[in-house]
């Protein structure tokens, strides 16, 4: 009974994709090539994802205090963080392109 329940788990843990990788960390199926990260990159991604999840849930718990000052502090922190770290270019262009820098000036 227990062995039958473990069959799906053991099948999922075989990681057939991992054992099919070649030295370029890619698997070719017909005309498609699937590229996978290295084990170190995958571990680092998992650590980063866990840290992000933990921070999100900690902030959620702060909001659940129903304290106005904590709420406002979180909102100001989110605004400042977005302003500092999410500034991205709109559209990359080549130097010779004759494109206006701003719209409607």
C-alpha atoms as a PDB file:
ATOM      1  CA  UNK A   1       0.000   0.000   0.000  1.00  0.00           C
ATOM      2  CA  UNK A   2       2.737   2.466   0.970  1.00  0.00           C
ATOM      3  CA  UNK A   3       4.899   1.409  -1.995  1.00  0.00           C
ATOM      4  CA  UNK A   4       2.057   2.181  -4.408  1.00  0.00           C
ATOM      5  CA  UNK A   5       1.672   5.646  -2.915  1.00  0.00           C
ATOM      6  CA  UNK A   6       5.386   6.348  -3.368  1.00  0.00           C
ATOM      7  CA  UNK A   7       5.477   5.455  -7.078  1.00  0.00           C
ATOM      8  CA  UNK A   8       4.498   8.963  -8.337  1.00  0.00           C
ATOM      9  CA  UNK A   9       7.008  10.588  -5.991  1.00  0.00           C
ATOM     10  CA  UNK A  10       9.823   8.285  -7.067  1.00  0.00           C
ATOM     11  CA  UNK A  11       8.930   8.812 -10.728  1.00  0.00           C
ATOM     12  CA  UNK A  12       9.097  12.587 -10.261  1.00  0.00           C
ATOM     13  CA  UNK A  13      12.442  12.333  -8.451  1.00  0.00           C
ATOM     14  CA  UNK A  14      14.127  10.460 -11.309  1.00  0.00           C
ATOM     15  CA  UNK A  15      14.927  13.773 -13.037  1.00  0.00           C
ATOM     16  CA  UNK A  16      15.074  12.273 -16.513  1.00  0.00           C
ATOM     17  CA  UNK A  17      15.812  15.735 -17.919  1.00  0.00           C
ATOM     18  CA  UNK A  18      18.923  15.973 -15.713  1.00  0.00           C
ATOM     19  CA  UNK A  19      20.389  12.665 -16.838  1.00  0.00           C
ATOM     20  CA  UNK A  20      19.722  13.525 -20.503  1.00  0.00           C
ATOM     21  CA  UNK A  21      21.882  16.676 -20.366  1.00  0.00           C
ATOM     22  CA  UNK A  22      25.014  16.814 -22.462  1.00  0.00           C
ATOM     23  CA  UNK A  23      28.136  18.882 -21.704  1.00  0.00           C
ATOM     24  CA  UNK A  24      26.405  22.019 -23.061  1.00  0.00           C
ATOM     25  CA  UNK A  25      23.561  21.632 -20.532  1.00  0.00           C
ATOM     26  CA  UNK A  26      21.083  21.124 -23.347  1.00  0.00           C
ATOM     27  CA  UNK A  27      18.626  18.447 -24.414  1.00  0.00           C
ATOM     28  CA  UNK A  28      17.695  18.110 -28.064  1.00  0.00           C
ATOM     29  CA  UNK A  29      14.236  16.772 -28.889  1.00  0.00           C
ATOM     30  CA  UNK A  30      13.572  16.629 -32.633  1.00  0.00           C
ATOM     31  CA  UNK A  31      14.386  20.124 -33.906  1.00  0.00           C
ATOM     32  CA  UNK A  32      13.993  21.828 -30.501  1.00  0.00           C
ATOM     33  CA  UNK A  33      16.907  22.438 -28.118  1.00  0.00           C
ATOM     34  CA  UNK A  34      16.116  22.943 -24.430  1.00  0.00           C
ATOM     35  CA  UNK A  35      18.873  24.682 -22.461  1.00  0.00           C
ATOM     36  CA  UNK A  36      19.024  24.173 -18.695  1.00  0.00           C
ATOM     37  CA  UNK A  37      21.012  26.011 -16.000  1.00  0.00           C
ATOM     38  CA  UNK A  38      23.928  24.312 -14.306  1.00  0.00           C
ATOM     39  CA  UNK A  39      23.401  22.738 -10.888  1.00  0.00           C
ATOM     40  CA  UNK A  40      25.120  25.685  -9.168  1.00  0.00           C
ATOM     41  CA  UNK A  41      22.940  28.193 -11.052  1.00  0.00           C
ATOM     42  CA  UNK A  42      19.840  26.193 -10.158  1.00  0.00           C
ATOM     43  CA  UNK A  43      20.802  26.070  -6.459  1.00  0.00           C
ATOM     44  CA  UNK A  44      21.496  29.831  -6.425  1.00  0.00           C
ATOM     45  CA  UNK A  45      18.163  30.504  -8.138  1.00  0.00           C
ATOM     46  CA  UNK A  46      16.361  28.362  -5.543  1.00  0.00           C
ATOM     47  CA  UNK A  47      18.094  30.177  -2.669  1.00  0.00           C
ATOM     48  CA  UNK A  48      17.174  33.555  -4.170  1.00  0.00           C
ATOM     49  CA  UNK A  49      13.584  32.484  -4.733  1.00  0.00           C
ATOM     50  CA  UNK A  50      13.309  31.261  -1.131  1.00  0.00           C
ATOM     51  CA  UNK A  51      14.709  34.553   0.168  1.00  0.00           C
ATOM     52  CA  UNK A  52      12.264  36.535  -1.992  1.00  0.00           C
ATOM     53  CA  UNK A  53       9.346  34.407  -0.779  1.00  0.00           C
ATOM     54  CA  UNK A  54      10.432  34.921   2.846  1.00  0.00           C
ATOM     55  CA  UNK A  55      10.680  38.697   2.436  1.00  0.00           C
ATOM     56  CA  UNK A  56       7.245  38.866   0.784  1.00  0.00           C
ATOM     57  CA  UNK A  57       5.626  36.915   3.591  1.00  0.00           C
ATOM     58  CA  UNK A  58       7.408  38.958   6.264  1.00  0.00           C
ATOM     59  CA  UNK A  59       6.081  42.154   4.681  1.00  0.00           C
ATOM     60  CA  UNK A  60       2.614  40.582   4.527  1.00  0.00           C
ATOM     61  CA  UNK A  61       2.808  39.911   8.266  1.00  0.00           C
ATOM     62  CA  UNK A  62       3.850  43.531   8.874  1.00  0.00           C
ATOM     63  CA  UNK A  63       0.768  44.717   6.962  1.00  0.00           C
ATOM     64  CA  UNK A  64      -1.394  42.436   9.082  1.00  0.00           C
ATOM     65  CA  UNK A  65      -0.464  44.365  12.230  1.00  0.00           C
ATOM     66  CA  UNK A  66      -3.079  46.922  11.078  1.00  0.00           C
ATOM     67  CA  UNK A  67      -0.785  49.664  12.310  1.00  0.00           C
ATOM     68  CA  UNK A  68      -0.969  52.737  10.088  1.00  0.00           C
ATOM     69  CA  UNK A  69       2.657  53.712  10.649  1.00  0.00           C
ATOM     70  CA  UNK A  70       3.952  50.264   9.681  1.00  0.00           C
ATOM     71  CA  UNK A  71       1.688  50.296   6.605  1.00  0.00           C
ATOM     72  CA  UNK A  72       2.894  53.745   5.513  1.00  0.00           C
ATOM     73  CA  UNK A  73       6.524  52.751   6.138  1.00  0.00           C
ATOM     74  CA  UNK A  74       6.106  49.674   3.928  1.00  0.00           C
ATOM     75  CA  UNK A  75       4.521  51.740   1.161  1.00  0.00           C
ATOM     76  CA  UNK A  76       7.277  54.370   1.279  1.00  0.00           C
ATOM     77  CA  UNK A  77       9.913  51.618   1.253  1.00  0.00           C
ATOM     78  CA  UNK A  78       8.270  49.973  -1.765  1.00  0.00           C
ATOM     79  CA  UNK A  79       8.154  53.324  -3.584  1.00  0.00           C
ATOM     80  CA  UNK A  80      11.803  54.147  -2.872  1.00  0.00           C
ATOM     81  CA  UNK A  81      12.938  50.614  -3.740  1.00  0.00           C
ATOM     82  CA  UNK A  82      11.071  50.710  -7.046  1.00  0.00           C
ATOM     83  CA  UNK A  83      12.463  54.150  -7.866  1.00  0.00           C
ATOM     84  CA  UNK A  84      16.052  53.083  -7.126  1.00  0.00           C
ATOM     85  CA  UNK A  85      16.168  49.601  -8.614  1.00  0.00           C
ATOM     86  CA  UNK A  86      13.553  49.432 -11.388  1.00  0.00           C
ATOM     87  CA  UNK A  87      14.733  52.246 -13.675  1.00  0.00           C
ATOM     88  CA  UNK A  88      14.984  50.645 -17.114  1.00  0.00           C
ATOM     89  CA  UNK A  89      15.395  52.007 -20.609  1.00  0.00           C
ATOM     90  CA  UNK A  90      12.264  52.389 -22.681  1.00  0.00           C
ATOM     91  CA  UNK A  91      13.588  51.371 -26.093  1.00  0.00           C
ATOM     92  CA  UNK A  92      17.218  50.848 -27.071  1.00  0.00           C
ATOM     93  CA  UNK A  93      18.116  52.636 -30.314  1.00  0.00           C
ATOM     94  CA  UNK A  94      21.259  52.979 -32.365  1.00  0.00           C
ATOM     95  CA  UNK A  95      23.191  56.208 -32.343  1.00  0.00           C
ATOM     96  CA  UNK A  96      22.419  57.019 -35.987  1.00  0.00           C
ATOM     97  CA  UNK A  97      18.666  56.552 -35.685  1.00  0.00           C
ATOM     98  CA  UNK A  98      16.686  59.737 -36.134  1.00  0.00           C
ATOM     99  CA  UNK A  99      14.225  59.154 -33.315  1.00  0.00           C
ATOM    100  CA  UNK A 100      12.939  61.858 -31.013  1.00  0.00           C
ATOM    101  CA  UNK A 101      13.942  61.421 -27.393  1.00  0.00           C
ATOM    102  CA  UNK A 102      10.570  62.382 -25.917  1.00  0.00           C
ATOM    103  CA  UNK A 103       7.011  62.275 -27.056  1.00  0.00           C
ATOM    104  CA  UNK A 104       4.828  65.351 -27.423  1.00  0.00           C
ATOM    105  CA  UNK A 105       7.349  68.101 -26.563  1.00  0.00           C
END
